[in-house]
Amino acid sequence: MFAPKQILVPTDFSVYSDKALKEAIDIAKQYGSAIHLLHVNSLVQQCAVDYCMTSDMVGDLEKQSAEMAQKRIKEEIEKFPESKTVTIIPEIKKGTPYEVILRDQKEKNIDPIVIASHGTTGLLQYFMGSVAEKVTKGAKCSVLLLRS
């Protein structure tokens, strides 16, 4: 029987992620689940082609990114008045998004992951890959994939 206790919702602050959070809130209200709202800041590349930033510059960028993410995750939760009726645990982490999502799924005994797909196809999909696709393939739990 499907009765999730811990729901993971990765967010990139897009309208697609808003749909995933809305769906997760509906599920959480029905089953009394907790929602882990996760944003992953990608690692900052210190060097690109023939230019390198100093360690201080990288640190400042990472700090600014984390501060902005904290602000935006709070704003995302506030978009949904019904979010006050469920437990939402906002988290900001650093790393490769799909790897962090899959690691969190294992560590927190998550079931399910509610994730949005941007619906990218063609060459962009080929070169960039899809976080949602990698999560769906690698997850050891149910994944609710919401398409755009």
N, C-alpha and C. Protein backbone atom coordinates (compact mmCIF):
# COMPACT_ATOMS: atom_id res chain seq x y z
N MET A 1 0.83 -1.19 0.00
CA MET A 1 0.00 0.00 0.00
C MET A 1 0.88 1.25 0.00
N PHE A 2 0.53 2.21 -0.81
CA PHE A 2 1.27 3.46 -0.93
C PHE A 2 0.89 4.38 0.22
N ALA A 3 1.83 4.59 1.14
CA ALA A 3 1.60 5.50 2.26
C ALA A 3 2.94 6.15 2.62
N PRO A 4 3.38 7.10 1.81
CA PRO A 4 4.71 7.69 2.02
C PRO A 4 4.81 8.49 3.31
N LYS A 5 5.96 8.40 3.94
CA LYS A 5 6.23 9.19 5.15
C LYS A 5 7.21 10.32 4.87
N GLN A 6 8.13 10.10 3.93
CA GLN A 6 9.15 11.10 3.58
C GLN A 6 9.12 11.31 2.06
N ILE A 7 8.83 12.51 1.62
CA ILE A 7 8.76 12.84 0.19
C ILE A 7 9.90 13.79 -0.13
N LEU A 8 10.62 13.50 -1.19
CA LEU A 8 11.70 14.39 -1.64
C LEU A 8 11.25 15.13 -2.88
N VAL A 9 11.37 16.46 -2.84
CA VAL A 9 11.02 17.30 -3.98
C VAL A 9 12.24 18.15 -4.33
N PRO A 10 12.96 17.75 -5.38
CA PRO A 10 14.07 18.60 -5.84
C PRO A 10 13.50 19.83 -6.54
N THR A 11 14.14 20.97 -6.35
CA THR A 11 13.66 22.19 -6.99
C THR A 11 14.79 22.97 -7.62
N ASP A 12 14.49 23.54 -8.78
CA ASP A 12 15.42 24.49 -9.41
C ASP A 12 14.75 25.86 -9.50
N PHE A 13 13.66 26.02 -8.75
CA PHE A 13 12.89 27.25 -8.64
C PHE A 13 12.13 27.61 -9.92
N SER A 14 11.95 26.66 -10.80
CA SER A 14 11.19 26.90 -12.03
C SER A 14 9.70 26.67 -11.79
N VAL A 15 8.88 27.08 -12.75
CA VAL A 15 7.44 26.81 -12.65
C VAL A 15 7.18 25.31 -12.65
N TYR A 16 8.05 24.55 -13.28
CA TYR A 16 7.91 23.09 -13.30
C TYR A 16 8.09 22.53 -11.89
N SER A 17 9.08 23.05 -11.19
CA SER A 17 9.32 22.62 -9.81
C SER A 17 8.16 23.02 -8.90
N ASP A 18 7.55 24.16 -9.20
CA ASP A 18 6.37 24.57 -8.43
C ASP A 18 5.26 23.53 -8.55
N LYS A 19 5.07 22.97 -9.75
CA LYS A 19 4.06 21.93 -9.96
C LYS A 19 4.38 20.70 -9.11
N ALA A 20 5.65 20.34 -9.06
CA ALA A 20 6.06 19.18 -8.28
C ALA A 20 5.80 19.41 -6.79
N LEU A 21 6.11 20.60 -6.30
CA LEU A 21 5.87 20.91 -4.90
C LEU A 21 4.38 20.89 -4.59
N LYS A 22 3.58 21.44 -5.47
CA LYS A 22 2.12 21.43 -5.28
C LYS A 22 1.62 19.99 -5.18
N GLU A 23 2.07 19.14 -6.07
CA GLU A 23 1.66 17.72 -6.06
C GLU A 23 2.11 17.05 -4.76
N ALA A 24 3.33 17.32 -4.34
CA ALA A 24 3.85 16.73 -3.10
C ALA A 24 3.06 17.20 -1.88
N ILE A 25 2.66 18.47 -1.88
CA ILE A 25 1.85 18.98 -0.77
C ILE A 25 0.53 18.24 -0.70
N ASP A 26 -0.09 18.00 -1.85
CA ASP A 26 -1.36 17.27 -1.89
C ASP A 26 -1.18 15.85 -1.33
N ILE A 27 -0.10 15.20 -1.72
CA ILE A 27 0.18 13.84 -1.22
C ILE A 27 0.45 13.88 0.28
N ALA A 28 1.25 14.84 0.71
CA ALA A 28 1.60 14.95 2.13
C ALA A 28 0.37 15.22 3.00
N LYS A 29 -0.53 16.03 2.52
CA LYS A 29 -1.76 16.30 3.27
C LYS A 29 -2.58 15.02 3.43
N GLN A 30 -2.63 14.23 2.38
CA GLN A 30 -3.43 13.01 2.40
C GLN A 30 -2.84 11.95 3.34
N TYR A 31 -1.51 11.84 3.38
CA TYR A 31 -0.87 10.76 4.13
C TYR A 31 -0.10 11.21 5.37
N GLY A 32 -0.10 12.50 5.66
CA GLY A 32 0.63 12.99 6.83
C GLY A 32 2.14 12.89 6.66
N SER A 33 2.59 13.05 5.43
CA SER A 33 4.02 12.91 5.10
C SER A 33 4.78 14.21 5.35
N ALA A 34 6.09 14.07 5.51
CA ALA A 34 6.98 15.22 5.56
C ALA A 34 7.58 15.40 4.17
N ILE A 35 7.81 16.64 3.78
CA ILE A 35 8.41 16.96 2.48
C ILE A 35 9.80 17.52 2.70
N HIS A 36 10.76 16.96 2.00
CA HIS A 36 12.12 17.49 1.98
C HIS A 36 12.25 18.25 0.66
N LEU A 37 12.25 19.56 0.73
CA LEU A 37 12.38 20.40 -0.46
C LEU A 37 13.86 20.71 -0.63
N LEU A 38 14.44 20.17 -1.69
CA LEU A 38 15.89 20.21 -1.88
C LEU A 38 16.28 21.01 -3.11
N HIS A 39 17.18 21.95 -2.89
CA HIS A 39 17.82 22.65 -4.02
C HIS A 39 19.31 22.32 -3.97
N VAL A 40 19.85 21.97 -5.12
CA VAL A 40 21.28 21.64 -5.20
C VAL A 40 21.98 22.71 -6.02
N ASN A 41 22.92 23.40 -5.38
CA ASN A 41 23.77 24.35 -6.10
C ASN A 41 24.88 23.55 -6.76
N SER A 42 25.01 23.71 -8.05
CA SER A 42 26.08 23.01 -8.77
C SER A 42 27.43 23.54 -8.34
N LEU A 43 28.42 22.70 -8.44
CA LEU A 43 29.78 23.10 -8.08
C LEU A 43 30.27 24.17 -9.05
N VAL A 44 30.99 25.14 -8.53
CA VAL A 44 31.54 26.22 -9.34
C VAL A 44 32.87 25.75 -9.92
N GLN A 45 33.00 25.86 -11.23
CA GLN A 45 34.26 25.50 -11.88
C GLN A 45 35.26 26.63 -11.67
N GLN A 46 36.38 26.32 -11.10
CA GLN A 46 37.38 27.35 -10.83
C GLN A 46 38.06 27.82 -12.11
N CYS A 47 38.24 26.90 -13.07
CA CYS A 47 38.91 27.26 -14.32
C CYS A 47 38.03 26.88 -15.51
N ALA A 48 38.05 27.73 -16.52
CA ALA A 48 37.35 27.47 -17.77
C ALA A 48 38.23 27.96 -18.90
N VAL A 49 38.55 27.10 -19.82
CA VAL A 49 39.41 27.37 -20.97
C VAL A 49 40.73 27.98 -20.49
N ASP A 50 40.90 29.29 -20.64
CA ASP A 50 42.17 29.91 -20.26
C ASP A 50 42.03 30.93 -19.13
N TYR A 51 40.96 30.82 -18.36
CA TYR A 51 40.74 31.76 -17.24
C TYR A 51 40.46 30.97 -15.97
N CYS A 52 41.11 31.37 -14.89
CA CYS A 52 40.87 30.75 -13.59
C CYS A 52 40.53 31.82 -12.57
N MET A 53 39.56 31.51 -11.71
CA MET A 53 39.22 32.39 -10.60
C MET A 53 40.06 31.99 -9.39
N THR A 54 40.26 32.93 -8.52
CA THR A 54 40.97 32.62 -7.28
C THR A 54 40.04 31.81 -6.36
N SER A 55 40.61 31.17 -5.38
CA SER A 55 39.81 30.41 -4.41
C SER A 55 38.85 31.33 -3.67
N ASP A 56 39.28 32.56 -3.40
CA ASP A 56 38.41 33.53 -2.73
C ASP A 56 37.20 33.88 -3.61
N MET A 57 37.44 34.04 -4.91
CA MET A 57 36.34 34.35 -5.83
C MET A 57 35.34 33.20 -5.87
N VAL A 58 35.84 31.98 -5.93
CA VAL A 58 34.96 30.80 -5.95
C VAL A 58 34.16 30.74 -4.65
N GLY A 59 34.83 30.97 -3.52
CA GLY A 59 34.16 30.97 -2.23
C GLY A 59 33.06 32.02 -2.14
N ASP A 60 33.35 33.22 -2.65
CA ASP A 60 32.34 34.29 -2.66
C ASP A 60 31.15 33.92 -3.52
N LEU A 61 31.40 33.35 -4.70
CA LEU A 61 30.31 32.92 -5.59
C LEU A 61 29.45 31.85 -4.93
N GLU A 62 30.09 30.89 -4.29
CA GLU A 62 29.35 29.83 -3.62
C GLU A 62 28.52 30.37 -2.46
N LYS A 63 29.07 31.33 -1.73
CA LYS A 63 28.35 31.94 -0.61
C LYS A 63 27.13 32.71 -1.12
N GLN A 64 27.33 33.51 -2.17
CA GLN A 64 26.22 34.27 -2.76
C GLN A 64 25.14 33.33 -3.29
N SER A 65 25.56 32.26 -3.93
CA SER A 65 24.62 31.29 -4.47
C SER A 65 23.80 30.64 -3.37
N ALA A 66 24.44 30.28 -2.27
CA ALA A 66 23.74 29.66 -1.14
C ALA A 66 22.76 30.64 -0.51
N GLU A 67 23.16 31.89 -0.36
CA GLU A 67 22.27 32.90 0.21
C GLU A 67 21.04 33.13 -0.67
N MET A 68 21.27 33.21 -1.98
CA MET A 68 20.16 33.40 -2.91
C MET A 68 19.23 32.19 -2.90
N ALA A 69 19.79 31.00 -2.83
CA ALA A 69 18.98 29.79 -2.79
C ALA A 69 18.11 29.74 -1.53
N GLN A 70 18.67 30.17 -0.39
CA GLN A 70 17.89 30.21 0.86
C GLN A 70 16.68 31.13 0.70
N LYS A 71 16.91 32.28 0.09
CA LYS A 71 15.83 33.24 -0.12
C LYS A 71 14.77 32.66 -1.05
N ARG A 72 15.23 32.06 -2.14
CA ARG A 72 14.29 31.55 -3.14
C ARG A 72 13.50 30.33 -2.67
N ILE A 73 14.13 29.48 -1.86
CA ILE A 73 13.41 28.30 -1.38
C ILE A 73 12.30 28.72 -0.41
N LYS A 74 12.58 29.75 0.37
CA LYS A 74 11.56 30.30 1.28
C LYS A 74 10.40 30.88 0.47
N GLU A 75 10.72 31.63 -0.59
CA GLU A 75 9.69 32.21 -1.45
C GLU A 75 8.86 31.12 -2.13
N GLU A 76 9.52 30.02 -2.53
CA GLU A 76 8.80 28.94 -3.19
C GLU A 76 7.77 28.32 -2.25
N ILE A 77 8.14 28.11 -1.01
CA ILE A 77 7.21 27.54 -0.03
C ILE A 77 6.05 28.49 0.20
N GLU A 78 6.34 29.79 0.27
CA GLU A 78 5.30 30.79 0.54
C GLU A 78 4.29 30.93 -0.59
N LYS A 79 4.60 30.44 -1.79
CA LYS A 79 3.66 30.49 -2.91
C LYS A 79 2.42 29.64 -2.64
N PHE A 80 2.57 28.67 -1.72
CA PHE A 80 1.49 27.73 -1.48
C PHE A 80 0.98 27.86 -0.05
N PRO A 81 -0.15 28.54 0.13
CA PRO A 81 -0.70 28.71 1.49
C PRO A 81 -0.93 27.38 2.20
N GLU A 82 -1.29 26.35 1.44
CA GLU A 82 -1.56 25.04 2.04
C GLU A 82 -0.29 24.37 2.56
N SER A 83 0.88 24.96 2.25
CA SER A 83 2.14 24.40 2.76
C SER A 83 2.22 24.51 4.28
N LYS A 84 1.42 25.39 4.86
CA LYS A 84 1.43 25.56 6.31
C LYS A 84 0.79 24.37 7.03
N THR A 85 0.07 23.53 6.29
CA THR A 85 -0.62 22.39 6.89
C THR A 85 0.23 21.11 6.87
N VAL A 86 1.42 21.18 6.28
CA VAL A 86 2.31 20.01 6.22
C VAL A 86 3.71 20.42 6.68
N THR A 87 4.52 19.42 6.97
CA THR A 87 5.90 19.67 7.37
C THR A 87 6.76 19.74 6.12
N ILE A 88 7.39 20.90 5.90
CA ILE A 88 8.32 21.06 4.78
C ILE A 88 9.68 21.40 5.34
N ILE A 89 10.65 20.59 4.97
CA ILE A 89 12.02 20.79 5.44
C ILE A 89 12.85 21.28 4.26
N PRO A 90 13.16 22.59 4.22
CA PRO A 90 13.96 23.12 3.11
C PRO A 90 15.44 22.80 3.31
N GLU A 91 16.09 22.42 2.23
CA GLU A 91 17.51 22.08 2.29
C GLU A 91 18.23 22.61 1.07
N ILE A 92 19.41 23.16 1.28
CA ILE A 92 20.28 23.62 0.21
C ILE A 92 21.57 22.80 0.34
N LYS A 93 21.95 22.15 -0.75
CA LYS A 93 23.19 21.38 -0.74
C LYS A 93 24.00 21.75 -1.97
N LYS A 94 25.25 21.32 -1.96
CA LYS A 94 26.17 21.63 -3.06
C LYS A 94 26.63 20.32 -3.67
N GLY A 95 26.68 20.28 -5.02
CA GLY A 95 27.16 19.08 -5.69
C GLY A 95 26.55 18.93 -7.06
N THR A 96 26.62 17.73 -7.59
CA THR A 96 25.99 17.40 -8.86
C THR A 96 24.54 17.04 -8.54
N PRO A 97 23.57 17.77 -9.11
CA PRO A 97 22.18 17.60 -8.68
C PRO A 97 21.67 16.16 -8.59
N TYR A 98 21.79 15.39 -9.65
CA TYR A 98 21.20 14.04 -9.58
C TYR A 98 21.90 13.17 -8.55
N GLU A 99 23.21 13.36 -8.36
CA GLU A 99 23.93 12.57 -7.37
C GLU A 99 23.48 12.91 -5.95
N VAL A 100 23.29 14.20 -5.67
CA VAL A 100 22.85 14.63 -4.35
C VAL A 100 21.42 14.13 -4.09
N ILE A 101 20.57 14.21 -5.09
CA ILE A 101 19.18 13.75 -4.95
C ILE A 101 19.15 12.26 -4.62
N LEU A 102 19.90 11.47 -5.37
CA LEU A 102 19.92 10.02 -5.13
C LEU A 102 20.53 9.67 -3.77
N ARG A 103 21.55 10.41 -3.38
CA ARG A 103 22.16 10.17 -2.06
C ARG A 103 21.15 10.50 -0.94
N ASP A 104 20.44 11.62 -1.09
CA ASP A 104 19.42 12.00 -0.10
C ASP A 104 18.32 10.95 -0.01
N GLN A 105 17.93 10.41 -1.15
CA GLN A 105 16.88 9.39 -1.18
C GLN A 105 17.27 8.20 -0.32
N LYS A 106 18.51 7.79 -0.42
CA LYS A 106 18.97 6.65 0.39
C LYS A 106 19.11 7.02 1.86
N GLU A 107 19.73 8.16 2.14
CA GLU A 107 20.00 8.55 3.52
C GLU A 107 18.74 8.83 4.34
N LYS A 108 17.71 9.35 3.68
CA LYS A 108 16.50 9.76 4.41
C LYS A 108 15.35 8.78 4.26
N ASN A 109 15.62 7.64 3.62
CA ASN A 109 14.58 6.63 3.42
C ASN A 109 13.35 7.25 2.74
N ILE A 110 13.61 7.94 1.65
CA ILE A 110 12.58 8.67 0.90
C ILE A 110 11.74 7.71 0.06
N ASP A 111 10.44 7.95 0.05
CA ASP A 111 9.54 7.29 -0.89
C ASP A 111 8.27 8.11 -0.93
N PRO A 112 8.00 8.81 -1.95
CA PRO A 112 8.61 8.87 -3.27
C PRO A 112 9.43 10.15 -3.47
N ILE A 113 10.04 10.23 -4.65
CA ILE A 113 10.63 11.48 -5.14
C ILE A 113 9.61 12.07 -6.10
N VAL A 114 9.27 13.32 -5.91
CA VAL A 114 8.37 14.02 -6.84
C VAL A 114 9.21 15.05 -7.56
N ILE A 115 9.40 14.85 -8.86
CA ILE A 115 10.32 15.69 -9.62
C ILE A 115 9.68 16.12 -10.93
N ALA A 116 10.03 17.31 -11.36
CA ALA A 116 9.51 17.85 -12.62
C ALA A 116 10.55 17.70 -13.72
N SER A 117 10.06 17.50 -14.91
CA SER A 117 10.91 17.45 -16.09
C SER A 117 10.65 18.71 -16.91
N HIS A 118 11.71 19.29 -17.42
CA HIS A 118 11.54 20.47 -18.27
C HIS A 118 11.13 20.10 -19.68
N GLY A 119 11.17 18.82 -20.00
CA GLY A 119 10.73 18.36 -21.30
C GLY A 119 11.68 18.67 -22.44
N THR A 120 12.96 18.83 -22.14
CA THR A 120 13.95 19.11 -23.18
C THR A 120 14.15 17.87 -24.04
N THR A 121 14.25 18.08 -25.34
CA THR A 121 14.48 16.96 -26.25
C THR A 121 15.55 17.35 -27.25
N GLY A 122 15.87 16.42 -28.12
CA GLY A 122 16.80 16.70 -29.21
C GLY A 122 18.23 16.88 -28.74
N LEU A 123 18.96 17.77 -29.43
CA LEU A 123 20.37 17.95 -29.14
C LEU A 123 20.64 18.47 -27.73
N LEU A 124 19.79 19.37 -27.24
CA LEU A 124 20.00 19.90 -25.89
C LEU A 124 19.95 18.75 -24.88
N GLN A 125 18.97 17.87 -25.03
CA GLN A 125 18.85 16.72 -24.13
C GLN A 125 20.08 15.82 -24.28
N TYR A 126 20.53 15.61 -25.50
CA TYR A 126 21.67 14.73 -25.77
C TYR A 126 22.94 15.24 -25.09
N PHE A 127 23.20 16.53 -25.20
CA PHE A 127 24.43 17.08 -24.66
C PHE A 127 24.37 17.36 -23.16
N MET A 128 23.23 17.80 -22.67
CA MET A 128 23.14 18.19 -21.27
C MET A 128 22.64 17.07 -20.37
N GLY A 129 21.87 16.14 -20.93
CA GLY A 129 21.27 15.12 -20.08
C GLY A 129 20.12 15.72 -19.30
N SER A 130 19.48 14.91 -18.53
CA SER A 130 18.35 15.38 -17.75
C SER A 130 18.48 14.89 -16.32
N VAL A 131 18.41 15.81 -15.39
CA VAL A 131 18.46 15.44 -13.98
C VAL A 131 17.30 14.50 -13.68
N ALA A 132 16.11 14.84 -14.16
CA ALA A 132 14.93 14.00 -13.90
C ALA A 132 15.13 12.59 -14.46
N GLU A 133 15.70 12.48 -15.64
CA GLU A 133 15.93 11.17 -16.25
C GLU A 133 16.93 10.36 -15.43
N LYS A 134 18.01 10.98 -15.00
CA LYS A 134 19.03 10.28 -14.22
C LYS A 134 18.47 9.87 -12.85
N VAL A 135 17.65 10.70 -12.25
CA VAL A 135 17.03 10.37 -10.98
C VAL A 135 16.07 9.19 -11.16
N THR A 136 15.25 9.26 -12.20
CA THR A 136 14.30 8.18 -12.46
C THR A 136 15.00 6.85 -12.67
N LYS A 137 16.10 6.86 -13.40
CA LYS A 137 16.84 5.62 -13.65
C LYS A 137 17.58 5.12 -12.42
N GLY A 138 18.06 6.03 -11.58
CA GLY A 138 18.91 5.63 -10.46
C GLY A 138 18.20 5.46 -9.12
N ALA A 139 16.97 5.91 -9.02
CA ALA A 139 16.27 5.88 -7.73
C ALA A 139 15.92 4.46 -7.31
N LYS A 140 15.99 4.24 -6.02
CA LYS A 140 15.60 2.95 -5.44
C LYS A 140 14.24 3.06 -4.77
N CYS A 141 13.46 4.04 -5.18
CA CYS A 141 12.13 4.23 -4.64
C CYS A 141 11.21 4.67 -5.79
N SER A 142 9.96 4.91 -5.47
CA SER A 142 9.02 5.41 -6.46
C SER A 142 9.40 6.82 -6.87
N VAL A 143 9.18 7.13 -8.14
CA VAL A 143 9.45 8.48 -8.65
C VAL A 143 8.20 8.94 -9.39
N LEU A 144 7.67 10.05 -8.96
CA LEU A 144 6.55 10.67 -9.66
C LEU A 144 7.15 11.76 -10.53
N LEU A 145 7.15 11.53 -11.84
CA LEU A 145 7.75 12.46 -12.79
C LEU A 145 6.64 13.27 -13.43
N LEU A 146 6.70 14.58 -13.22
CA LEU A 146 5.70 15.49 -13.79
C LEU A 146 6.30 16.14 -15.03
N ARG A 147 5.66 15.94 -16.14
CA ARG A 147 6.15 16.51 -17.40
C ARG A 147 5.58 17.90 -17.61
N SER A 148 6.34 18.71 -18.34
CA SER A 148 5.90 20.09 -18.60
C SER A 148 4.74 20.10 -19.59
